[in-house]
């Protein structure tokens, strides 16, 4: 397994391939731990093997608690059924930090066919990408401003098309 904790957000531009879900999870945790203001997550189903872990959720919690007024976590989900039925740590975190952890979902008409099967952006500079249809094809970079800007624009466009998921919103009541 690669030592992703030694990579610094905004400084290290290496682009290691992530060989398995453990490396994917480690990269997500490392990026989330270093984010200062914003995390944007585009995910098909909240990928429980990556994002439903104590380490990842603790890193997100630290961001929203210590990040001040500008801290924001936006999570765009294509299919929230599994998380609604089984529960997910991010949903519980979102319930406690409603103003800083926001969820939206895309309806089937707006469901994009992207080359990226999912991605995580940390302060727009750090990028974790899982390729479409390839559960093992993923890469991360802690300093990828060009890719980060491109994915940030893509995320913003999708976010504007998305709607609050009524089933996820029910959990916040």
N, C-alpha and C. Protein backbone atom coordinates (compact mmCIF):
# COMPACT_ATOMS: atom_id res chain seq x y z
N UNK A 1 0.84 -1.18 0.00
CA UNK A 1 0.00 0.00 0.00
C UNK A 1 0.89 1.25 0.00
N UNK A 2 0.47 2.25 -0.75
CA UNK A 2 1.23 3.48 -0.86
C UNK A 2 1.08 4.32 0.41
N UNK A 3 2.09 5.11 0.72
CA UNK A 3 2.03 6.00 1.87
C UNK A 3 1.48 7.35 1.42
N UNK A 4 0.16 7.45 1.37
CA UNK A 4 -0.49 8.66 0.88
C UNK A 4 -0.50 9.78 1.92
N UNK A 5 -0.29 9.44 3.19
CA UNK A 5 -0.30 10.46 4.23
C UNK A 5 0.87 11.44 4.11
N UNK A 6 1.91 11.05 3.39
CA UNK A 6 3.06 11.95 3.27
C UNK A 6 2.86 13.00 2.17
N UNK A 7 1.84 12.83 1.34
CA UNK A 7 1.56 13.80 0.29
C UNK A 7 0.82 15.00 0.87
N UNK A 8 1.19 16.19 0.41
CA UNK A 8 0.64 17.43 0.96
C UNK A 8 -0.27 18.09 -0.06
N UNK A 9 -1.48 18.43 0.39
CA UNK A 9 -2.47 19.09 -0.46
C UNK A 9 -1.93 20.41 -0.96
N UNK A 10 -1.99 20.62 -2.26
CA UNK A 10 -1.50 21.85 -2.87
C UNK A 10 -0.02 21.84 -3.19
N UNK A 11 0.67 20.74 -2.87
CA UNK A 11 2.11 20.69 -3.10
C UNK A 11 2.53 19.50 -3.95
N UNK A 12 2.08 18.32 -3.64
CA UNK A 12 2.52 17.11 -4.33
C UNK A 12 1.57 16.76 -5.48
N UNK A 13 2.09 16.85 -6.69
CA UNK A 13 1.29 16.61 -7.88
C UNK A 13 1.41 15.21 -8.45
N UNK A 14 2.09 14.30 -7.76
CA UNK A 14 2.15 12.94 -8.27
C UNK A 14 0.72 12.43 -8.45
N UNK A 15 0.58 11.48 -9.34
CA UNK A 15 -0.75 10.94 -9.63
C UNK A 15 -0.72 9.43 -9.48
N UNK A 16 -0.65 8.95 -8.24
CA UNK A 16 -0.57 7.50 -8.06
C UNK A 16 -1.87 6.82 -8.44
N UNK A 17 -1.75 5.67 -9.11
CA UNK A 17 -2.91 4.82 -9.36
C UNK A 17 -3.23 4.11 -8.06
N UNK A 18 -4.49 3.95 -7.81
CA UNK A 18 -4.93 3.29 -6.58
C UNK A 18 -5.37 1.88 -6.96
N UNK A 19 -4.65 0.90 -6.43
CA UNK A 19 -4.81 -0.47 -6.88
C UNK A 19 -6.04 -1.17 -6.32
N UNK A 20 -6.50 -0.76 -5.16
CA UNK A 20 -7.63 -1.47 -4.55
C UNK A 20 -8.44 -0.51 -3.69
N UNK A 21 -9.49 -1.03 -3.11
CA UNK A 21 -10.38 -0.17 -2.32
C UNK A 21 -9.69 0.38 -1.07
N UNK A 22 -8.73 -0.34 -0.52
CA UNK A 22 -8.00 0.15 0.65
C UNK A 22 -7.20 1.41 0.29
N UNK A 23 -6.58 1.43 -0.88
CA UNK A 23 -5.84 2.62 -1.31
C UNK A 23 -6.79 3.76 -1.66
N UNK A 24 -7.92 3.43 -2.26
CA UNK A 24 -8.94 4.43 -2.58
C UNK A 24 -9.42 5.09 -1.27
N UNK A 25 -9.70 4.28 -0.28
CA UNK A 25 -10.15 4.77 1.02
C UNK A 25 -9.06 5.62 1.68
N UNK A 26 -7.81 5.16 1.65
CA UNK A 26 -6.70 5.91 2.26
C UNK A 26 -6.51 7.27 1.58
N UNK A 27 -6.66 7.32 0.27
CA UNK A 27 -6.53 8.60 -0.45
C UNK A 27 -7.66 9.55 -0.07
N UNK A 28 -8.89 9.02 0.04
CA UNK A 28 -10.03 9.86 0.42
C UNK A 28 -9.83 10.44 1.81
N UNK A 29 -9.37 9.62 2.74
CA UNK A 29 -9.13 10.08 4.11
C UNK A 29 -8.02 11.14 4.13
N UNK A 30 -6.93 10.87 3.43
CA UNK A 30 -5.81 11.83 3.41
C UNK A 30 -6.23 13.17 2.82
N UNK A 31 -6.99 13.16 1.74
CA UNK A 31 -7.45 14.42 1.14
C UNK A 31 -8.40 15.14 2.09
N UNK A 32 -9.34 14.42 2.68
CA UNK A 32 -10.32 15.05 3.57
C UNK A 32 -9.62 15.64 4.80
N UNK A 33 -8.62 14.97 5.31
CA UNK A 33 -7.90 15.47 6.49
C UNK A 33 -7.20 16.79 6.21
N UNK A 34 -6.77 16.98 4.97
CA UNK A 34 -6.00 18.18 4.64
C UNK A 34 -6.85 19.32 4.08
N UNK A 35 -8.09 19.05 3.74
CA UNK A 35 -8.97 20.10 3.21
C UNK A 35 -9.16 21.18 4.26
N UNK A 36 -9.11 22.43 3.82
CA UNK A 36 -9.26 23.57 4.73
C UNK A 36 -10.63 24.21 4.64
N UNK A 37 -11.23 24.17 3.45
CA UNK A 37 -12.50 24.89 3.26
C UNK A 37 -13.60 24.05 2.64
N UNK A 38 -13.26 23.20 1.67
CA UNK A 38 -14.34 22.59 0.91
C UNK A 38 -14.01 21.19 0.46
N UNK A 39 -15.03 20.34 0.54
CA UNK A 39 -15.00 19.02 -0.09
C UNK A 39 -16.22 18.92 -0.98
N UNK A 40 -16.02 18.50 -2.20
CA UNK A 40 -17.12 18.19 -3.12
C UNK A 40 -16.98 16.73 -3.48
N UNK A 41 -18.06 15.97 -3.27
CA UNK A 41 -18.05 14.54 -3.53
C UNK A 41 -19.15 14.21 -4.52
N UNK A 42 -18.77 13.63 -5.64
CA UNK A 42 -19.72 13.12 -6.62
C UNK A 42 -19.60 11.59 -6.58
N UNK A 43 -20.67 10.92 -6.20
CA UNK A 43 -20.61 9.49 -5.97
C UNK A 43 -21.87 8.80 -6.46
N UNK A 44 -21.74 7.62 -7.01
CA UNK A 44 -22.94 6.91 -7.46
C UNK A 44 -23.87 6.54 -6.31
N UNK A 45 -23.28 6.10 -5.18
CA UNK A 45 -24.13 5.56 -4.10
C UNK A 45 -23.53 5.74 -2.71
N UNK A 46 -22.74 6.75 -2.52
CA UNK A 46 -22.03 7.02 -1.26
C UNK A 46 -21.01 5.95 -0.92
N UNK A 47 -20.67 5.11 -1.86
CA UNK A 47 -19.61 4.11 -1.78
C UNK A 47 -19.21 3.76 -0.34
N UNK A 48 -19.95 2.88 0.31
CA UNK A 48 -19.71 2.62 1.73
C UNK A 48 -18.31 2.11 2.05
N UNK A 49 -17.69 1.39 1.15
CA UNK A 49 -16.34 0.88 1.42
C UNK A 49 -15.29 1.98 1.47
N UNK A 50 -15.63 3.15 0.96
CA UNK A 50 -14.69 4.27 0.94
C UNK A 50 -15.13 5.38 1.90
N UNK A 51 -16.39 5.79 1.81
CA UNK A 51 -16.84 6.99 2.52
C UNK A 51 -17.64 6.72 3.79
N UNK A 52 -17.97 5.48 4.09
CA UNK A 52 -18.71 5.16 5.31
C UNK A 52 -17.77 4.54 6.33
N UNK A 53 -16.68 5.24 6.59
CA UNK A 53 -15.68 4.75 7.55
C UNK A 53 -15.50 5.79 8.65
N UNK A 54 -15.13 5.34 9.84
CA UNK A 54 -14.90 6.31 10.92
C UNK A 54 -13.81 7.33 10.57
N UNK A 55 -12.75 6.89 9.90
CA UNK A 55 -11.64 7.80 9.57
C UNK A 55 -12.08 8.91 8.62
N UNK A 56 -12.80 8.54 7.58
CA UNK A 56 -13.25 9.55 6.62
C UNK A 56 -14.23 10.51 7.27
N UNK A 57 -15.18 9.99 7.99
CA UNK A 57 -16.19 10.85 8.62
C UNK A 57 -15.58 11.74 9.69
N UNK A 58 -14.58 11.26 10.40
CA UNK A 58 -13.90 12.10 11.38
C UNK A 58 -13.16 13.25 10.69
N UNK A 59 -12.56 12.97 9.54
CA UNK A 59 -11.88 14.02 8.78
C UNK A 59 -12.88 15.06 8.28
N UNK A 60 -14.04 14.63 7.82
CA UNK A 60 -15.08 15.55 7.37
C UNK A 60 -15.59 16.38 8.55
N UNK A 61 -15.81 15.72 9.67
CA UNK A 61 -16.28 16.43 10.87
C UNK A 61 -15.27 17.50 11.29
N UNK A 62 -14.00 17.16 11.26
CA UNK A 62 -12.96 18.12 11.62
C UNK A 62 -13.00 19.33 10.69
N UNK A 63 -13.22 19.10 9.41
CA UNK A 63 -13.31 20.20 8.45
C UNK A 63 -14.48 21.12 8.80
N UNK A 64 -15.66 20.57 9.03
CA UNK A 64 -16.83 21.43 9.27
C UNK A 64 -16.77 22.12 10.63
N UNK A 65 -16.11 21.50 11.59
CA UNK A 65 -16.03 22.12 12.92
C UNK A 65 -14.93 23.18 12.96
N UNK A 66 -13.78 22.88 12.38
CA UNK A 66 -12.64 23.80 12.45
C UNK A 66 -12.53 24.73 11.26
N UNK A 67 -13.29 24.48 10.23
CA UNK A 67 -13.15 25.26 9.01
C UNK A 67 -13.81 26.61 9.03
N UNK A 68 -14.51 26.93 10.08
CA UNK A 68 -15.15 28.24 10.18
C UNK A 68 -16.37 28.37 9.30
N UNK A 69 -16.78 29.61 9.10
CA UNK A 69 -17.99 29.88 8.32
C UNK A 69 -17.88 29.43 6.88
N UNK A 70 -16.69 29.40 6.34
CA UNK A 70 -16.53 29.08 4.92
C UNK A 70 -16.48 27.58 4.63
N UNK A 71 -16.40 26.76 5.65
CA UNK A 71 -16.31 25.31 5.44
C UNK A 71 -17.61 24.80 4.83
N UNK A 72 -17.48 23.95 3.83
CA UNK A 72 -18.64 23.40 3.15
C UNK A 72 -18.31 22.03 2.58
N UNK A 73 -19.23 21.10 2.78
CA UNK A 73 -19.12 19.77 2.20
C UNK A 73 -20.38 19.55 1.38
N UNK A 74 -20.20 19.32 0.08
CA UNK A 74 -21.34 19.08 -0.80
C UNK A 74 -21.21 17.66 -1.34
N UNK A 75 -22.29 16.92 -1.23
CA UNK A 75 -22.29 15.52 -1.64
C UNK A 75 -23.41 15.33 -2.65
N UNK A 76 -23.01 14.94 -3.85
CA UNK A 76 -23.94 14.72 -4.95
C UNK A 76 -24.02 13.22 -5.21
N UNK A 77 -25.21 12.66 -5.01
CA UNK A 77 -25.41 11.21 -5.07
C UNK A 77 -26.33 10.88 -6.24
N UNK A 78 -25.98 9.84 -6.98
CA UNK A 78 -26.84 9.40 -8.07
C UNK A 78 -27.96 8.49 -7.56
N UNK A 79 -27.65 7.61 -6.63
CA UNK A 79 -28.64 6.67 -6.11
C UNK A 79 -28.45 6.53 -4.61
N UNK A 80 -29.38 7.04 -3.84
CA UNK A 80 -29.24 7.06 -2.38
C UNK A 80 -29.96 5.90 -1.70
N UNK A 81 -30.51 4.96 -2.47
CA UNK A 81 -31.31 3.88 -1.86
C UNK A 81 -30.54 3.10 -0.81
N UNK A 82 -29.32 2.68 -1.14
CA UNK A 82 -28.56 1.86 -0.19
C UNK A 82 -28.34 2.63 1.10
N UNK A 83 -27.91 3.87 1.00
CA UNK A 83 -27.63 4.67 2.20
C UNK A 83 -28.90 4.89 3.02
N UNK A 84 -30.02 5.09 2.36
CA UNK A 84 -31.29 5.28 3.07
C UNK A 84 -31.68 4.01 3.81
N UNK A 85 -31.49 2.88 3.19
CA UNK A 85 -31.91 1.62 3.79
C UNK A 85 -30.95 1.12 4.86
N UNK A 86 -29.67 1.25 4.61
CA UNK A 86 -28.67 0.67 5.51
C UNK A 86 -28.07 1.68 6.49
N UNK A 87 -28.24 2.96 6.20
CA UNK A 87 -27.61 3.98 7.03
C UNK A 87 -26.20 4.27 6.52
N UNK A 88 -25.69 5.42 6.89
CA UNK A 88 -24.36 5.84 6.43
C UNK A 88 -23.86 6.91 7.38
N UNK A 89 -22.62 6.84 7.75
CA UNK A 89 -22.05 7.81 8.69
C UNK A 89 -22.14 9.25 8.18
N UNK A 90 -21.99 9.45 6.87
CA UNK A 90 -22.09 10.82 6.34
C UNK A 90 -23.49 11.39 6.53
N UNK A 91 -24.51 10.55 6.45
CA UNK A 91 -25.87 11.03 6.67
C UNK A 91 -26.04 11.50 8.12
N UNK A 92 -25.49 10.75 9.05
CA UNK A 92 -25.57 11.15 10.46
C UNK A 92 -24.79 12.44 10.70
N UNK A 93 -23.65 12.57 10.08
CA UNK A 93 -22.85 13.78 10.20
C UNK A 93 -23.61 14.97 9.61
N UNK A 94 -24.23 14.76 8.47
CA UNK A 94 -25.03 15.81 7.85
C UNK A 94 -26.20 16.25 8.70
N UNK A 95 -26.76 15.33 9.46
CA UNK A 95 -27.87 15.67 10.35
C UNK A 95 -27.41 16.62 11.45
N UNK A 96 -26.17 16.45 11.90
CA UNK A 96 -25.64 17.30 12.98
C UNK A 96 -25.10 18.63 12.47
N UNK A 97 -24.75 18.69 11.19
CA UNK A 97 -24.15 19.90 10.62
C UNK A 97 -24.88 20.28 9.33
N UNK A 98 -26.16 20.52 9.45
CA UNK A 98 -27.04 20.74 8.30
C UNK A 98 -26.57 21.89 7.41
N UNK A 99 -26.07 22.95 7.99
CA UNK A 99 -25.68 24.12 7.18
C UNK A 99 -24.35 23.92 6.46
N UNK A 100 -23.55 22.94 6.89
CA UNK A 100 -22.23 22.76 6.29
C UNK A 100 -22.07 21.46 5.51
N UNK A 101 -22.97 20.53 5.69
CA UNK A 101 -22.92 19.26 4.94
C UNK A 101 -24.23 19.16 4.18
N UNK A 102 -24.15 19.25 2.87
CA UNK A 102 -25.35 19.30 2.03
C UNK A 102 -25.37 18.14 1.06
N UNK A 103 -26.55 17.59 0.87
CA UNK A 103 -26.74 16.46 -0.03
C UNK A 103 -27.71 16.85 -1.14
N UNK A 104 -27.41 16.41 -2.33
CA UNK A 104 -28.35 16.52 -3.46
C UNK A 104 -28.25 15.26 -4.28
N UNK A 105 -29.29 15.07 -5.08
CA UNK A 105 -29.32 13.91 -5.96
C UNK A 105 -29.79 14.34 -7.34
N UNK A 106 -29.34 13.62 -8.35
CA UNK A 106 -29.76 13.90 -9.72
C UNK A 106 -30.89 12.95 -10.09
N UNK A 107 -31.90 13.47 -10.75
CA UNK A 107 -32.94 12.58 -11.22
C UNK A 107 -32.44 11.84 -12.45
N UNK A 108 -33.19 10.86 -12.89
CA UNK A 108 -32.71 10.01 -13.99
C UNK A 108 -32.50 10.78 -15.29
N UNK A 109 -33.27 11.84 -15.51
CA UNK A 109 -33.09 12.63 -16.72
C UNK A 109 -31.75 13.34 -16.75
N UNK A 110 -31.29 13.75 -15.59
CA UNK A 110 -30.03 14.50 -15.51
C UNK A 110 -28.85 13.62 -15.11
N UNK A 111 -29.05 12.33 -15.07
CA UNK A 111 -27.99 11.41 -14.67
C UNK A 111 -26.89 11.43 -15.73
N UNK A 112 -25.73 11.93 -15.38
CA UNK A 112 -24.68 12.12 -16.39
C UNK A 112 -23.93 10.83 -16.69
N UNK A 113 -23.46 10.74 -17.90
CA UNK A 113 -22.55 9.67 -18.28
C UNK A 113 -21.17 10.32 -18.35
N UNK A 114 -20.48 10.28 -17.25
CA UNK A 114 -19.17 10.91 -17.16
C UNK A 114 -18.08 9.86 -17.27
N UNK A 115 -16.92 10.28 -17.74
CA UNK A 115 -15.77 9.38 -17.75
C UNK A 115 -15.41 8.99 -16.33
N UNK A 116 -15.64 9.93 -15.41
CA UNK A 116 -15.37 9.66 -14.01
C UNK A 116 -16.58 8.97 -13.40
N UNK A 117 -16.36 7.85 -12.77
CA UNK A 117 -17.46 7.16 -12.09
C UNK A 117 -17.78 7.83 -10.77
N UNK A 118 -16.87 8.63 -10.29
CA UNK A 118 -17.06 9.37 -9.06
C UNK A 118 -15.79 10.14 -8.78
N UNK A 119 -15.90 11.22 -8.01
CA UNK A 119 -14.69 11.96 -7.66
C UNK A 119 -14.89 12.73 -6.37
N UNK A 120 -13.77 13.02 -5.75
CA UNK A 120 -13.71 13.82 -4.54
C UNK A 120 -12.75 14.96 -4.80
N UNK A 121 -13.19 16.19 -4.51
CA UNK A 121 -12.34 17.36 -4.65
C UNK A 121 -12.09 17.96 -3.27
N UNK A 122 -10.84 18.19 -2.95
CA UNK A 122 -10.47 18.83 -1.69
C UNK A 122 -9.90 20.20 -2.01
N UNK A 123 -10.63 21.24 -1.62
CA UNK A 123 -10.22 22.62 -1.88
C UNK A 123 -9.88 22.85 -3.35
N UNK A 124 -10.54 22.17 -4.24
CA UNK A 124 -10.41 22.24 -5.69
C UNK A 124 -9.04 21.76 -6.18
N UNK A 125 -8.04 21.72 -5.35
CA UNK A 125 -6.69 21.34 -5.77
C UNK A 125 -6.44 19.84 -5.68
N UNK A 126 -6.97 19.21 -4.65
CA UNK A 126 -6.77 17.77 -4.47
C UNK A 126 -7.89 17.00 -5.15
N UNK A 127 -7.52 15.95 -5.86
CA UNK A 127 -8.48 15.21 -6.68
C UNK A 127 -8.32 13.72 -6.45
N UNK A 128 -9.45 13.06 -6.29
CA UNK A 128 -9.51 11.60 -6.26
C UNK A 128 -10.56 11.20 -7.28
N UNK A 129 -10.19 10.40 -8.26
CA UNK A 129 -11.10 10.02 -9.34
C UNK A 129 -11.19 8.51 -9.44
N UNK A 130 -12.43 8.03 -9.51
CA UNK A 130 -12.68 6.62 -9.81
C UNK A 130 -13.29 6.58 -11.20
N UNK A 131 -12.69 5.79 -12.07
CA UNK A 131 -13.13 5.73 -13.45
C UNK A 131 -14.45 4.99 -13.59
N UNK A 132 -15.26 5.40 -14.52
CA UNK A 132 -16.58 4.83 -14.77
C UNK A 132 -16.47 3.34 -15.08
N UNK A 133 -17.30 2.55 -14.44
CA UNK A 133 -17.38 1.12 -14.74
C UNK A 133 -16.15 0.33 -14.33
N UNK A 134 -15.27 0.92 -13.55
CA UNK A 134 -14.05 0.23 -13.18
C UNK A 134 -13.84 0.42 -11.68
N UNK A 135 -14.31 -0.53 -10.89
CA UNK A 135 -14.26 -0.38 -9.45
C UNK A 135 -12.84 -0.29 -8.93
N UNK A 136 -11.86 -0.77 -9.70
CA UNK A 136 -10.48 -0.71 -9.25
C UNK A 136 -9.67 0.38 -9.94
N UNK A 137 -10.20 1.00 -10.96
CA UNK A 137 -9.46 2.04 -11.67
C UNK A 137 -9.67 3.39 -11.01
N UNK A 138 -8.69 3.82 -10.25
CA UNK A 138 -8.78 5.11 -9.57
C UNK A 138 -7.40 5.73 -9.48
N UNK A 139 -7.36 7.04 -9.34
CA UNK A 139 -6.10 7.75 -9.14
C UNK A 139 -6.37 8.96 -8.25
N UNK A 140 -5.30 9.47 -7.67
CA UNK A 140 -5.41 10.65 -6.80
C UNK A 140 -4.24 11.57 -7.08
N UNK A 141 -4.46 12.86 -6.85
CA UNK A 141 -3.39 13.84 -6.90
C UNK A 141 -3.68 14.90 -5.85
N UNK A 142 -2.66 15.26 -5.10
CA UNK A 142 -2.84 16.25 -4.04
C UNK A 142 -2.58 17.66 -4.56
N UNK A 143 -2.16 17.77 -5.81
CA UNK A 143 -1.99 19.09 -6.43
C UNK A 143 -2.24 18.92 -7.93
N UNK A 144 -3.50 19.11 -8.30
CA UNK A 144 -3.91 18.99 -9.69
C UNK A 144 -4.85 20.15 -10.01
N UNK A 145 -4.32 21.37 -10.07
CA UNK A 145 -5.20 22.52 -10.25
C UNK A 145 -6.02 22.49 -11.54
N UNK A 146 -5.45 22.04 -12.63
CA UNK A 146 -6.20 22.01 -13.89
C UNK A 146 -7.34 21.00 -13.83
N UNK A 147 -7.04 19.78 -13.39
CA UNK A 147 -8.09 18.77 -13.26
C UNK A 147 -9.10 19.20 -12.20
N UNK A 148 -8.61 19.79 -11.12
CA UNK A 148 -9.51 20.24 -10.06
C UNK A 148 -10.48 21.30 -10.54
N UNK A 149 -10.00 22.25 -11.32
CA UNK A 149 -10.88 23.29 -11.87
C UNK A 149 -11.91 22.70 -12.83
N UNK A 150 -11.45 21.79 -13.69
CA UNK A 150 -12.37 21.14 -14.65
C UNK A 150 -13.45 20.37 -13.91
N UNK A 151 -13.05 19.57 -12.93
CA UNK A 151 -14.03 18.78 -12.19
C UNK A 151 -14.91 19.67 -11.31
N UNK A 152 -14.37 20.77 -10.81
CA UNK A 152 -15.16 21.69 -10.01
C UNK A 152 -16.27 22.33 -10.85
N UNK A 153 -15.94 22.72 -12.08
CA UNK A 153 -16.96 23.27 -12.98
C UNK A 153 -18.02 22.21 -13.30
N UNK A 154 -17.57 21.01 -13.55
CA UNK A 154 -18.49 19.91 -13.84
C UNK A 154 -19.40 19.65 -12.63
N UNK A 155 -18.81 19.63 -11.44
CA UNK A 155 -19.58 19.42 -10.23
C UNK A 155 -20.60 20.54 -10.05
N UNK A 156 -20.17 21.77 -10.24
CA UNK A 156 -21.07 22.92 -10.06
C UNK A 156 -22.26 22.83 -11.01
N UNK A 157 -22.02 22.46 -12.25
CA UNK A 157 -23.12 22.31 -13.22
C UNK A 157 -24.08 21.21 -12.78
N UNK A 158 -23.56 20.09 -12.33
CA UNK A 158 -24.41 19.00 -11.86
C UNK A 158 -25.16 19.40 -10.59
N UNK A 159 -24.48 20.11 -9.70
CA UNK A 159 -25.10 20.55 -8.45
C UNK A 159 -26.31 21.44 -8.73
N UNK A 160 -26.18 22.31 -9.71
CA UNK A 160 -27.28 23.21 -10.05
C UNK A 160 -28.47 22.46 -10.65
N UNK A 161 -28.22 21.34 -11.31
CA UNK A 161 -29.29 20.52 -11.87
C UNK A 161 -29.93 19.60 -10.84
N UNK A 162 -29.20 19.33 -9.79
CA UNK A 162 -29.65 18.37 -8.77
C UNK A 162 -30.68 18.99 -7.85
N UNK A 163 -31.35 18.12 -7.11
CA UNK A 163 -32.36 18.56 -6.16
C UNK A 163 -32.06 17.91 -4.81
N UNK A 164 -32.50 18.56 -3.73
CA UNK A 164 -32.36 17.89 -2.44
C UNK A 164 -33.13 16.56 -2.49
N UNK A 165 -32.52 15.51 -2.04
CA UNK A 165 -33.16 14.19 -2.04
C UNK A 165 -34.18 14.17 -0.92
N UNK A 166 -35.48 14.00 -1.24
CA UNK A 166 -36.50 14.05 -0.18
C UNK A 166 -36.31 12.95 0.86
N UNK A 167 -35.73 11.84 0.46
CA UNK A 167 -35.51 10.74 1.41
C UNK A 167 -34.34 11.05 2.33
N UNK A 168 -33.32 11.71 1.83
CA UNK A 168 -32.21 12.10 2.69
C UNK A 168 -32.63 13.26 3.59
N UNK A 169 -33.43 14.16 3.06
CA UNK A 169 -33.91 15.29 3.86
C UNK A 169 -34.74 14.81 5.05
N UNK A 170 -35.50 13.75 4.87
CA UNK A 170 -36.31 13.21 5.98
C UNK A 170 -35.43 12.84 7.16
N UNK A 171 -34.22 12.42 6.87
CA UNK A 171 -33.32 12.04 7.95
C UNK A 171 -32.89 13.23 8.79
N UNK A 172 -33.01 14.44 8.26
CA UNK A 172 -32.55 15.62 8.98
C UNK A 172 -33.61 16.19 9.92
N UNK A 173 -34.84 15.69 9.85
CA UNK A 173 -35.92 16.25 10.67
C UNK A 173 -35.77 15.85 12.12
